[in-house]
Structures are given as structure tokens and as C-alpha cells.
Amino acid sequence: MGYKRTGLMGIEAAMENGKGWSFNRQVNLSVLIQLIFLASLIVGSWVNLQRQLDLLQHDVTILLETQKNSEQKLESLSAKAIGYEYRLQALERSLTKPPIVE
């Protein structure tokens, strides 16, 4: 039951002097400024991340288009290679056949 209120008494005394209120107001203003600064940093970071994501999406879109074009060119080259292979086989067969004498 020997509860001491020295802490409260000190705060009450400081409030009566007027120094406590100005100190609390300065702390509150400082905390408010820090919170605003932190919020602006968060918003700025979020905006920067959105910009980076947009750039990444643009790069991925271009990469996919380039991949599609490369696949089409590869298919075209593959079809040409098969055609040339058949021509080469036909030439080899015609050169290895004995000539027909009439």
C-alpha cells in the first residue's frame, strides 16, 4: 500500500510550470513530421516500384514477341532445310542411277 506517485507528481509539476506542455507539443510535432516523412517515403517507394513493374512488363512483352518471331523463323528454316534435304536426296539418286540407253 506504499504506492508512490513520484512519476505523476513530476509530470504534474512540469505541466504546471508550462515546460511540460511545450515539450510534449514539440515531441508531438516531431513525431508528426517523422510520420509524414515516413509516409512520403513509403508512397515514393510504391510509385517507384510501380514504375519498375511497368518497365519490367514492357520488357517481358517485347521478349515474348521476339521469342514468337524467333520461333516462326526457326520453323521456316526447318521447313526449308527439310525441302533442301529432299532435293539433295533426289539429286543423289539421279546421279547414282545408271543412264538409260535406248
PDB file of N, CA and C in Angstrom:
ATOM      1  N   MET A   1       0.810  -1.182   0.000  1.00  0.00           N
ATOM      2  CA  MET A   1       0.000   0.000   0.000  1.00  0.00           C
ATOM      3  C   MET A   1       0.860   1.255   0.000  1.00  0.00           C
ATOM      4  N   GLY A   2       2.167   1.023  -0.100  1.00  0.00           N
ATOM      5  CA  GLY A   2       3.076   2.146  -0.118  1.00  0.00           C
ATOM      6  C   GLY A   2       3.320   2.602  -1.542  1.00  0.00           C
ATOM      7  N   TYR A   3       2.286   2.810  -2.344  1.00  0.00           N
ATOM      8  CA  TYR A   3       2.397   3.214  -3.735  1.00  0.00           C
ATOM      9  C   TYR A   3       2.784   4.681  -3.815  1.00  0.00           C
ATOM     10  N   LYS A   4       3.892   4.949  -4.491  1.00  0.00           N
ATOM     11  CA  LYS A   4       4.354   6.322  -4.610  1.00  0.00           C
ATOM     12  C   LYS A   4       3.966   6.855  -5.977  1.00  0.00           C
ATOM     13  N   ARG A   5       3.615   8.083  -6.034  1.00  0.00           N
ATOM     14  CA  ARG A   5       3.233   8.719  -7.283  1.00  0.00           C
ATOM     15  C   ARG A   5       4.250   9.791  -7.659  1.00  0.00           C
ATOM     16  N   THR A   6       5.503   9.428  -7.535  1.00  0.00           N
ATOM     17  CA  THR A   6       6.525  10.428  -7.823  1.00  0.00           C
ATOM     18  C   THR A   6       6.573  10.750  -9.310  1.00  0.00           C
ATOM     19  N   GLY A   7       6.340   9.745 -10.138  1.00  0.00           N
ATOM     20  CA  GLY A   7       6.370   9.990 -11.580  1.00  0.00           C
ATOM     21  C   GLY A   7       5.265  10.933 -12.004  1.00  0.00           C
ATOM     22  N   LEU A   8       4.069  10.690 -11.514  1.00  0.00           N
ATOM     23  CA  LEU A   8       2.955  11.559 -11.857  1.00  0.00           C
ATOM     24  C   LEU A   8       3.133  12.947 -11.270  1.00  0.00           C
ATOM     25  N   MET A   9       3.668  12.975 -10.083  1.00  0.00           N
ATOM     26  CA  MET A   9       3.876  14.269  -9.454  1.00  0.00           C
ATOM     27  C   MET A   9       4.859  15.096 -10.276  1.00  0.00           C
ATOM     28  N   GLY A  10       5.901  14.437 -10.809  1.00  0.00           N
ATOM     29  CA  GLY A  10       6.886  15.155 -11.612  1.00  0.00           C
ATOM     30  C   GLY A  10       6.266  15.697 -12.889  1.00  0.00           C
ATOM     31  N   ILE A  11       5.410  14.895 -13.525  1.00  0.00           N
ATOM     32  CA  ILE A  11       4.756  15.336 -14.765  1.00  0.00           C
ATOM     33  C   ILE A  11       3.778  16.461 -14.460  1.00  0.00           C
ATOM     34  N   GLU A  12       3.018  16.297 -13.363  1.00  0.00           N
ATOM     35  CA  GLU A  12       2.062  17.344 -12.998  1.00  0.00           C
ATOM     36  C   GLU A  12       2.783  18.645 -12.683  1.00  0.00           C
ATOM     37  N   ALA A  13       3.916  18.526 -12.004  1.00  0.00           N
ATOM     38  CA  ALA A  13       4.683  19.728 -11.664  1.00  0.00           C
ATOM     39  C   ALA A  13       5.216  20.389 -12.927  1.00  0.00           C
ATOM     40  N   ALA A  14       5.677  19.598 -13.858  1.00  0.00           N
ATOM     41  CA  ALA A  14       6.199  20.164 -15.106  1.00  0.00           C
ATOM     42  C   ALA A  14       5.071  20.809 -15.907  1.00  0.00           C
ATOM     43  N   MET A  15       3.868  20.213 -15.862  1.00  0.00           N
ATOM     44  CA  MET A  15       2.741  20.779 -16.583  1.00  0.00           C
ATOM     45  C   MET A  15       2.349  22.126 -15.979  1.00  0.00           C
ATOM     46  N   GLU A  16       2.444  22.211 -14.672  1.00  0.00           N
ATOM     47  CA  GLU A  16       2.100  23.465 -14.020  1.00  0.00           C
ATOM     48  C   GLU A  16       3.095  24.549 -14.384  1.00  0.00           C
ATOM     49  N   ASN A  17       4.350  24.172 -14.569  1.00  0.00           N
ATOM     50  CA  ASN A  17       5.363  25.174 -14.927  1.00  0.00           C
ATOM     51  C   ASN A  17       5.218  25.625 -16.374  1.00  0.00           C
ATOM     52  N   GLY A  18       4.551  24.847 -17.214  1.00  0.00           N
ATOM     53  CA  GLY A  18       4.395  25.206 -18.612  1.00  0.00           C
ATOM     54  C   GLY A  18       5.450  24.581 -19.497  1.00  0.00           C
ATOM     55  N   LYS A  19       6.529  24.077 -18.941  1.00  0.00           N
ATOM     56  CA  LYS A  19       7.594  23.482 -19.733  1.00  0.00           C
ATOM     57  C   LYS A  19       7.176  22.122 -20.289  1.00  0.00           C
ATOM     58  N   GLY A  20       6.419  21.386 -19.521  1.00  0.00           N
ATOM     59  CA  GLY A  20       5.994  20.044 -19.953  1.00  0.00           C
ATOM     60  C   GLY A  20       5.105  20.102 -21.177  1.00  0.00           C
ATOM     61  N   TRP A  21       4.213  21.096 -21.193  1.00  0.00           N
ATOM     62  CA  TRP A  21       3.293  21.183 -22.330  1.00  0.00           C
ATOM     63  C   TRP A  21       4.038  21.517 -23.612  1.00  0.00           C
ATOM     64  N   SER A  22       4.970  22.444 -23.556  1.00  0.00           N
ATOM     65  CA  SER A  22       5.717  22.798 -24.765  1.00  0.00           C
ATOM     66  C   SER A  22       6.615  21.638 -25.197  1.00  0.00           C
ATOM     67  N   PHE A  23       7.174  20.919 -24.233  1.00  0.00           N
ATOM     68  CA  PHE A  23       7.989  19.756 -24.588  1.00  0.00           C
ATOM     69  C   PHE A  23       7.131  18.706 -25.280  1.00  0.00           C
ATOM     70  N   ASN A  24       5.951  18.435 -24.737  1.00  0.00           N
ATOM     71  CA  ASN A  24       5.059  17.456 -25.358  1.00  0.00           C
ATOM     72  C   ASN A  24       4.611  17.917 -26.733  1.00  0.00           C
ATOM     73  N   ARG A  25       4.360  19.200 -26.895  1.00  0.00           N
ATOM     74  CA  ARG A  25       3.948  19.719 -28.185  1.00  0.00           C
ATOM     75  C   ARG A  25       5.076  19.573 -29.198  1.00  0.00           C
ATOM     76  N   GLN A  26       6.305  19.823 -28.777  1.00  0.00           N
ATOM     77  CA  GLN A  26       7.444  19.669 -29.672  1.00  0.00           C
ATOM     78  C   GLN A  26       7.640  18.202 -30.045  1.00  0.00           C
ATOM     79  N   VAL A  27       7.479  17.323 -29.082  1.00  0.00           N
ATOM     80  CA  VAL A  27       7.619  15.903 -29.370  1.00  0.00           C
ATOM     81  C   VAL A  27       6.525  15.468 -30.326  1.00  0.00           C
ATOM     82  N   ASN A  28       5.316  15.917 -30.089  1.00  0.00           N
ATOM     83  CA  ASN A  28       4.217  15.546 -30.970  1.00  0.00           C
ATOM     84  C   ASN A  28       4.439  16.087 -32.374  1.00  0.00           C
ATOM     85  N   LEU A  29       4.913  17.313 -32.492  1.00  0.00           N
ATOM     86  CA  LEU A  29       5.204  17.880 -33.803  1.00  0.00           C
ATOM     87  C   LEU A  29       6.329  17.116 -34.479  1.00  0.00           C
ATOM     88  N   SER A  30       7.353  16.752 -33.711  1.00  0.00           N
ATOM     89  CA  SER A  30       8.464  15.981 -34.261  1.00  0.00           C
ATOM     90  C   SER A  30       7.987  14.612 -34.745  1.00  0.00           C
ATOM     91  N   VAL A  31       7.170  13.968 -33.938  1.00  0.00           N
ATOM     92  CA  VAL A  31       6.633  12.656 -34.337  1.00  0.00           C
ATOM     93  C   VAL A  31       5.760  12.809 -35.564  1.00  0.00           C
ATOM     94  N   LEU A  32       4.956  13.865 -35.615  1.00  0.00           N
ATOM     95  CA  LEU A  32       4.102  14.097 -36.774  1.00  0.00           C
ATOM     96  C   LEU A  32       4.934  14.316 -38.032  1.00  0.00           C
ATOM     97  N   ILE A  33       5.978  15.110 -37.923  1.00  0.00           N
ATOM     98  CA  ILE A  33       6.855  15.348 -39.074  1.00  0.00           C
ATOM     99  C   ILE A  33       7.531  14.046 -39.514  1.00  0.00           C
ATOM    100  N   GLN A  34       7.971  13.254 -38.548  1.00  0.00           N
ATOM    101  CA  GLN A  34       8.601  11.975 -38.896  1.00  0.00           C
ATOM    102  C   GLN A  34       7.608  11.037 -39.570  1.00  0.00           C
ATOM    103  N   LEU A  35       6.374  11.011 -39.084  1.00  0.00           N
ATOM    104  CA  LEU A  35       5.351  10.162 -39.707  1.00  0.00           C
ATOM    105  C   LEU A  35       5.034  10.613 -41.121  1.00  0.00           C
ATOM    106  N   ILE A  36       4.953  11.927 -41.322  1.00  0.00           N
ATOM    107  CA  ILE A  36       4.703  12.453 -42.672  1.00  0.00           C
ATOM    108  C   ILE A  36       5.876  12.097 -43.587  1.00  0.00           C
ATOM    109  N   PHE A  37       7.077  12.247 -43.084  1.00  0.00           N
ATOM    110  CA  PHE A  37       8.258  11.911 -43.879  1.00  0.00           C
ATOM    111  C   PHE A  37       8.268  10.421 -44.212  1.00  0.00           C
ATOM    112  N   LEU A  38       7.954   9.583 -43.237  1.00  0.00           N
ATOM    113  CA  LEU A  38       7.897   8.141 -43.461  1.00  0.00           C
ATOM    114  C   LEU A  38       6.821   7.787 -44.474  1.00  0.00           C
ATOM    115  N   ALA A  39       5.662   8.435 -44.350  1.00  0.00           N
ATOM    116  CA  ALA A  39       4.580   8.181 -45.305  1.00  0.00           C
ATOM    117  C   ALA A  39       4.990   8.603 -46.710  1.00  0.00           C
ATOM    118  N   SER A  40       5.674   9.738 -46.830  1.00  0.00           N
ATOM    119  CA  SER A  40       6.115  10.171 -48.165  1.00  0.00           C
ATOM    120  C   SER A  40       7.157   9.216 -48.732  1.00  0.00           C
ATOM    121  N   LEU A  41       8.021   8.678 -47.878  1.00  0.00           N
ATOM    122  CA  LEU A  41       8.990   7.685 -48.355  1.00  0.00           C
ATOM    123  C   LEU A  41       8.292   6.419 -48.824  1.00  0.00           C
ATOM    124  N   ILE A  42       7.278   5.997 -48.094  1.00  0.00           N
ATOM    125  CA  ILE A  42       6.535   4.793 -48.484  1.00  0.00           C
ATOM    126  C   ILE A  42       5.822   5.016 -49.805  1.00  0.00           C
ATOM    127  N   VAL A  43       5.161   6.159 -49.949  1.00  0.00           N
ATOM    128  CA  VAL A  43       4.453   6.458 -51.201  1.00  0.00           C
ATOM    129  C   VAL A  43       5.448   6.571 -52.353  1.00  0.00           C
ATOM    130  N   GLY A  44       6.570   7.232 -52.116  1.00  0.00           N
ATOM    131  CA  GLY A  44       7.589   7.343 -53.171  1.00  0.00           C
ATOM    132  C   GLY A  44       8.139   5.994 -53.572  1.00  0.00           C
ATOM    133  N   SER A  45       8.363   5.140 -52.607  1.00  0.00           N
ATOM    134  CA  SER A  45       8.858   3.796 -52.922  1.00  0.00           C
ATOM    135  C   SER A  45       7.819   3.008 -53.704  1.00  0.00           C
ATOM    136  N   TRP A  46       6.551   3.153 -53.320  1.00  0.00           N
ATOM    137  CA  TRP A  46       5.485   2.442 -54.011  1.00  0.00           C
ATOM    138  C   TRP A  46       5.373   2.912 -55.458  1.00  0.00           C
ATOM    139  N   VAL A  47       5.458   4.225 -55.671  1.00  0.00           N
ATOM    140  CA  VAL A  47       5.404   4.776 -57.028  1.00  0.00           C
ATOM    141  C   VAL A  47       6.595   4.274 -57.841  1.00  0.00           C
ATOM    142  N   ASN A  48       7.771   4.246 -57.226  1.00  0.00           N
ATOM    143  CA  ASN A  48       8.962   3.761 -57.912  1.00  0.00           C
ATOM    144  C   ASN A  48       8.816   2.281 -58.272  1.00  0.00           C
ATOM    145  N   LEU A  49       8.263   1.494 -57.357  1.00  0.00           N
ATOM    146  CA  LEU A  49       8.043   0.076 -57.650  1.00  0.00           C
ATOM    147  C   LEU A  49       7.049  -0.107 -58.791  1.00  0.00           C
ATOM    148  N   GLN A  50       6.005   0.710 -58.815  1.00  0.00           N
ATOM    149  CA  GLN A  50       5.034   0.619 -59.903  1.00  0.00           C
ATOM    150  C   GLN A  50       5.691   0.948 -61.242  1.00  0.00           C
ATOM    151  N   ARG A  51       6.548   1.949 -61.240  1.00  0.00           N
ATOM    152  CA  ARG A  51       7.249   2.321 -62.476  1.00  0.00           C
ATOM    153  C   ARG A  51       8.171   1.193 -62.925  1.00  0.00           C
ATOM    154  N   GLN A  52       8.878   0.606 -61.962  1.00  0.00           N
ATOM    155  CA  GLN A  52       9.762  -0.510 -62.295  1.00  0.00           C
ATOM    156  C   GLN A  52       8.972  -1.707 -62.815  1.00  0.00           C
ATOM    157  N   LEU A  53       7.810  -1.968 -62.226  1.00  0.00           N
ATOM    158  CA  LEU A  53       6.966  -3.066 -62.704  1.00  0.00           C
ATOM    159  C   LEU A  53       6.451  -2.796 -64.113  1.00  0.00           C
ATOM    160  N   ASP A  54       6.094  -1.546 -64.411  1.00  0.00           N
ATOM    161  CA  ASP A  54       5.659  -1.202 -65.760  1.00  0.00           C
ATOM    162  C   ASP A  54       6.786  -1.426 -66.762  1.00  0.00           C
ATOM    163  N   LEU A  55       8.005  -1.003 -66.397  1.00  0.00           N
ATOM    164  CA  LEU A  55       9.148  -1.221 -67.287  1.00  0.00           C
ATOM    165  C   LEU A  55       9.423  -2.712 -67.476  1.00  0.00           C
ATOM    166  N   LEU A  56       9.311  -3.468 -66.398  1.00  0.00           N
ATOM    167  CA  LEU A  56       9.528  -4.913 -66.483  1.00  0.00           C
ATOM    168  C   LEU A  56       8.472  -5.567 -67.353  1.00  0.00           C
ATOM    169  N   GLN A  57       7.223  -5.147 -67.213  1.00  0.00           N
ATOM    170  CA  GLN A  57       6.155  -5.697 -68.041  1.00  0.00           C
ATOM    171  C   GLN A  57       6.403  -5.378 -69.519  1.00  0.00           C
ATOM    172  N   HIS A  58       6.854  -4.172 -69.792  1.00  0.00           N
ATOM    173  CA  HIS A  58       7.162  -3.784 -71.171  1.00  0.00           C
ATOM    174  C   HIS A  58       8.288  -4.655 -71.724  1.00  0.00           C
ATOM    175  N   ASP A  59       9.340  -4.863 -70.926  1.00  0.00           N
ATOM    176  CA  ASP A  59      10.466  -5.691 -71.367  1.00  0.00           C
ATOM    177  C   ASP A  59      10.046  -7.139 -71.602  1.00  0.00           C
ATOM    178  N   VAL A  60       9.204  -7.669 -70.721  1.00  0.00           N
ATOM    179  CA  VAL A  60       8.744  -9.054 -70.884  1.00  0.00           C
ATOM    180  C   VAL A  60       7.875  -9.179 -72.130  1.00  0.00           C
ATOM    181  N   THR A  61       7.040  -8.187 -72.398  1.00  0.00           N
ATOM    182  CA  THR A  61       6.198  -8.206 -73.598  1.00  0.00           C
ATOM    183  C   THR A  61       7.065  -8.213 -74.853  1.00  0.00           C
ATOM    184  N   ILE A  62       8.071  -7.364 -74.881  1.00  0.00           N
ATOM    185  CA  ILE A  62       8.979  -7.331 -76.036  1.00  0.00           C
ATOM    186  C   ILE A  62       9.715  -8.661 -76.165  1.00  0.00           C
ATOM    187  N   LEU A  63      10.145  -9.228 -75.046  1.00  0.00           N
ATOM    188  CA  LEU A  63      10.844 -10.511 -75.068  1.00  0.00           C
ATOM    189  C   LEU A  63       9.951 -11.615 -75.618  1.00  0.00           C
ATOM    190  N   LEU A  64       8.686 -11.636 -75.225  1.00  0.00           N
ATOM    191  CA  LEU A  64       7.762 -12.646 -75.732  1.00  0.00           C
ATOM    192  C   LEU A  64       7.514 -12.482 -77.235  1.00  0.00           C
ATOM    193  N   GLU A  65       7.384 -11.245 -77.687  1.00  0.00           N
ATOM    194  CA  GLU A  65       7.208 -11.000 -79.124  1.00  0.00           C
ATOM    195  C   GLU A  65       8.441 -11.460 -79.899  1.00  0.00           C
ATOM    196  N   THR A  66       9.613 -11.154 -79.376  1.00  0.00           N
ATOM    197  CA  THR A  66      10.848 -11.578 -80.029  1.00  0.00           C
ATOM    198  C   THR A  66      10.946 -13.097 -80.060  1.00  0.00           C
ATOM    199  N   GLN A  67      10.524 -13.746 -78.983  1.00  0.00           N
ATOM    200  CA  GLN A  67      10.547 -15.210 -78.939  1.00  0.00           C
ATOM    201  C   GLN A  67       9.600 -15.792 -79.985  1.00  0.00           C
ATOM    202  N   LYS A  68       8.417 -15.210 -80.134  1.00  0.00           N
ATOM    203  CA  LYS A  68       7.470 -15.691 -81.148  1.00  0.00           C
ATOM    204  C   LYS A  68       8.051 -15.535 -82.550  1.00  0.00           C
ATOM    205  N   ASN A  69       8.662 -14.375 -82.806  1.00  0.00           N
ATOM    206  CA  ASN A  69       9.279 -14.146 -84.119  1.00  0.00           C
ATOM    207  C   ASN A  69      10.407 -15.147 -84.369  1.00  0.00           C
ATOM    208  N   SER A  70      11.204 -15.408 -83.342  1.00  0.00           N
ATOM    209  CA  SER A  70      12.302 -16.367 -83.491  1.00  0.00           C
ATOM    210  C   SER A  70      11.770 -17.768 -83.752  1.00  0.00           C
ATOM    211  N   GLU A  71      10.688 -18.142 -83.075  1.00  0.00           N
ATOM    212  CA  GLU A  71      10.095 -19.458 -83.305  1.00  0.00           C
ATOM    213  C   GLU A  71       9.583 -19.572 -84.737  1.00  0.00           C
ATOM    214  N   GLN A  72       8.948 -18.512 -85.243  1.00  0.00           N
ATOM    215  CA  GLN A  72       8.444 -18.535 -86.619  1.00  0.00           C
ATOM    216  C   GLN A  72       9.596 -18.652 -87.612  1.00  0.00           C
ATOM    217  N   LYS A  73      10.660 -17.911 -87.388  1.00  0.00           N
ATOM    218  CA  LYS A  73      11.819 -18.002 -88.282  1.00  0.00           C
ATOM    219  C   LYS A  73      12.454 -19.377 -88.209  1.00  0.00           C
ATOM    220  N   LEU A  74      12.525 -19.949 -87.018  1.00  0.00           N
ATOM    221  CA  LEU A  74      13.099 -21.279 -86.853  1.00  0.00           C
ATOM    222  C   LEU A  74      12.256 -22.334 -87.573  1.00  0.00           C
ATOM    223  N   GLU A  75      10.926 -22.225 -87.464  1.00  0.00           N
ATOM    224  CA  GLU A  75      10.049 -23.156 -88.184  1.00  0.00           C
ATOM    225  C   GLU A  75      10.229 -23.018 -89.691  1.00  0.00           C
ATOM    226  N   SER A  76      10.348 -21.779 -90.158  1.00  0.00           N
ATOM    227  CA  SER A  76      10.548 -21.547 -91.585  1.00  0.00           C
ATOM    228  C   SER A  76      11.879 -22.148 -92.053  1.00  0.00           C
ATOM    229  N   LEU A  77      12.935 -21.933 -91.263  1.00  0.00           N
ATOM    230  CA  LEU A  77      14.236 -22.503 -91.621  1.00  0.00           C
ATOM    231  C   LEU A  77      14.206 -24.027 -91.585  1.00  0.00           C
ATOM    232  N   SER A  78      13.487 -24.571 -90.624  1.00  0.00           N
ATOM    233  CA  SER A  78      13.372 -26.030 -90.526  1.00  0.00           C
ATOM    234  C   SER A  78      12.649 -26.589 -91.744  1.00  0.00           C
ATOM    235  N   ALA A  79      11.583 -25.936 -92.165  1.00  0.00           N
ATOM    236  CA  ALA A  79      10.843 -26.385 -93.355  1.00  0.00           C
ATOM    237  C   ALA A  79      11.729 -26.289 -94.595  1.00  0.00           C
ATOM    238  N   LYS A  80      12.496 -25.209 -94.717  1.00  0.00           N
ATOM    239  CA  LYS A  80      13.406 -25.068 -95.862  1.00  0.00           C
ATOM    240  C   LYS A  80      14.485 -26.149 -95.837  1.00  0.00           C
ATOM    241  N   ALA A  81      15.000 -26.439 -94.640  1.00  0.00           N
ATOM    242  CA  ALA A  81      16.042 -27.458 -94.524  1.00  0.00           C
ATOM    243  C   ALA A  81      15.509 -28.824 -94.945  1.00  0.00           C
ATOM    244  N   ILE A  82      14.266 -29.135 -94.559  1.00  0.00           N
ATOM    245  CA  ILE A  82      13.669 -30.417 -94.964  1.00  0.00           C
ATOM    246  C   ILE A  82      13.499 -30.452 -96.479  1.00  0.00           C
ATOM    247  N   GLY A  83      13.041 -29.339 -97.060  1.00  0.00           N
ATOM    248  CA  GLY A  83      12.896 -29.279 -98.525  1.00  0.00           C
ATOM    249  C   GLY A  83      14.231 -29.461 -99.233  1.00  0.00           C
ATOM    250  N   TYR A  84      15.270 -28.813 -98.730  1.00  0.00           N
ATOM    251  CA  TYR A  84      16.598 -28.960 -99.336  1.00  0.00           C
ATOM    252  C   TYR A  84      17.127 -30.386 -99.173  1.00  0.00           C
ATOM    253  N   GLU A  85      16.805 -31.013 -98.055  1.00  0.00           N
ATOM    254  CA  GLU A  85      17.231 -32.402 -97.838  1.00  0.00           C
ATOM    255  C   GLU A  85      16.590 -33.324 -98.876  1.00  0.00           C
ATOM    256  N   TYR A  86      15.289 -33.136 -99.146  1.00  0.00           N
ATOM    257  CA  TYR A  86      14.622 -33.950-100.161  1.00  0.00           C
ATOM    258  C   TYR A  86      15.221 -33.695-101.548  1.00  0.00           C
ATOM    259  N   ARG A  87      15.516 -32.450-101.872  1.00  0.00           N
ATOM    260  CA  ARG A  87      16.130 -32.133-103.167  1.00  0.00           C
ATOM    261  C   ARG A  87      17.498 -32.800-103.286  1.00  0.00           C
ATOM    262  N   LEU A  88      18.273 -32.724-102.192  1.00  0.00           N
ATOM    263  CA  LEU A  88      19.596 -33.336-102.204  1.00  0.00           C
ATOM    264  C   LEU A  88      19.500 -34.851-102.394  1.00  0.00           C
ATOM    265  N   GLN A  89      18.561 -35.486-101.711  1.00  0.00           N
ATOM    266  CA  GLN A  89      18.374 -36.926-101.883  1.00  0.00           C
ATOM    267  C   GLN A  89      17.950 -37.252-103.312  1.00  0.00           C
ATOM    268  N   ALA A  90      17.088 -36.440-103.897  1.00  0.00           N
ATOM    269  CA  ALA A  90      16.651 -36.670-105.276  1.00  0.00           C
ATOM    270  C   ALA A  90      17.833 -36.514-106.236  1.00  0.00           C
ATOM    271  N   LEU A  91      18.685 -35.526-106.004  1.00  0.00           N
ATOM    272  CA  LEU A  91      19.869 -35.340-106.850  1.00  0.00           C
ATOM    273  C   LEU A  91      20.827 -36.518-106.715  1.00  0.00           C
ATOM    274  N   GLU A  92      21.020 -36.983-105.491  1.00  0.00           N
ATOM    275  CA  GLU A  92      21.919 -38.118-105.275  1.00  0.00           C
ATOM    276  C   GLU A  92      21.390 -39.369-105.961  1.00  0.00           C
ATOM    277  N   ARG A  93      20.088 -39.579-105.910  1.00  0.00           N
ATOM    278  CA  ARG A  93      19.509 -40.751-106.582  1.00  0.00           C
ATOM    279  C   ARG A  93      19.641 -40.640-108.090  1.00  0.00           C
ATOM    280  N   SER A  94      19.426 -39.426-108.602  1.00  0.00           N
ATOM    281  CA  SER A  94      19.512 -39.291-110.049  1.00  0.00           C
ATOM    282  C   SER A  94      20.954 -39.441-110.529  1.00  0.00           C
ATOM    283  N   LEU A  95      21.941 -39.072-109.713  1.00  0.00           N
ATOM    284  CA  LEU A  95      23.332 -39.206-110.113  1.00  0.00           C
ATOM    285  C   LEU A  95      23.820 -40.644-109.984  1.00  0.00           C
ATOM    286  N   THR A  96      23.251 -41.391-109.080  1.00  0.00           N
ATOM    287  CA  THR A  96      23.708 -42.770-108.890  1.00  0.00           C
ATOM    288  C   THR A  96      22.978 -43.761-109.780  1.00  0.00           C
ATOM    289  N   LYS A  97      21.904 -43.372-110.457  1.00  0.00           N
ATOM    290  CA  LYS A  97      21.195 -44.267-111.379  1.00  0.00           C
ATOM    291  C   LYS A  97      22.036 -44.449-112.642  1.00  0.00           C
ATOM    292  N   PRO A  98      22.035 -45.643-113.124  1.00  0.00           N
ATOM    293  CA  PRO A  98      22.732 -45.838-114.418  1.00  0.00           C
ATOM    294  C   PRO A  98      21.936 -45.178-115.528  1.00  0.00           C
ATOM    295  N   PRO A  99      22.602 -44.628-116.488  1.00  0.00           N
ATOM    296  CA  PRO A  99      21.878 -43.953-117.575  1.00  0.00           C
ATOM    297  C   PRO A  99      21.078 -44.988-118.385  1.00  0.00           C
ATOM    298  N   ILE A 100      19.965 -44.562-118.854  1.00  0.00           N
ATOM    299  CA  ILE A 100      19.094 -45.429-119.672  1.00  0.00           C
ATOM    300  C   ILE A 100      19.546 -45.304-121.119  1.00  0.00           C
ATOM    301  N   VAL A 101      19.915 -46.450-121.672  1.00  0.00           N
ATOM    302  CA  VAL A 101      20.397 -46.461-123.071  1.00  0.00           C
ATOM    303  C   VAL A 101      19.233 -46.962-123.928  1.00  0.00           C
ATOM    304  N   GLU A 102      18.967 -46.269-124.988  1.00  0.00           N
ATOM    305  CA  GLU A 102      17.890 -46.695-125.880  1.00  0.00           C
ATOM    306  C   GLU A 102      18.430 -47.249-127.157  1.00  0.00           C
TER     307      GLU A 102
END
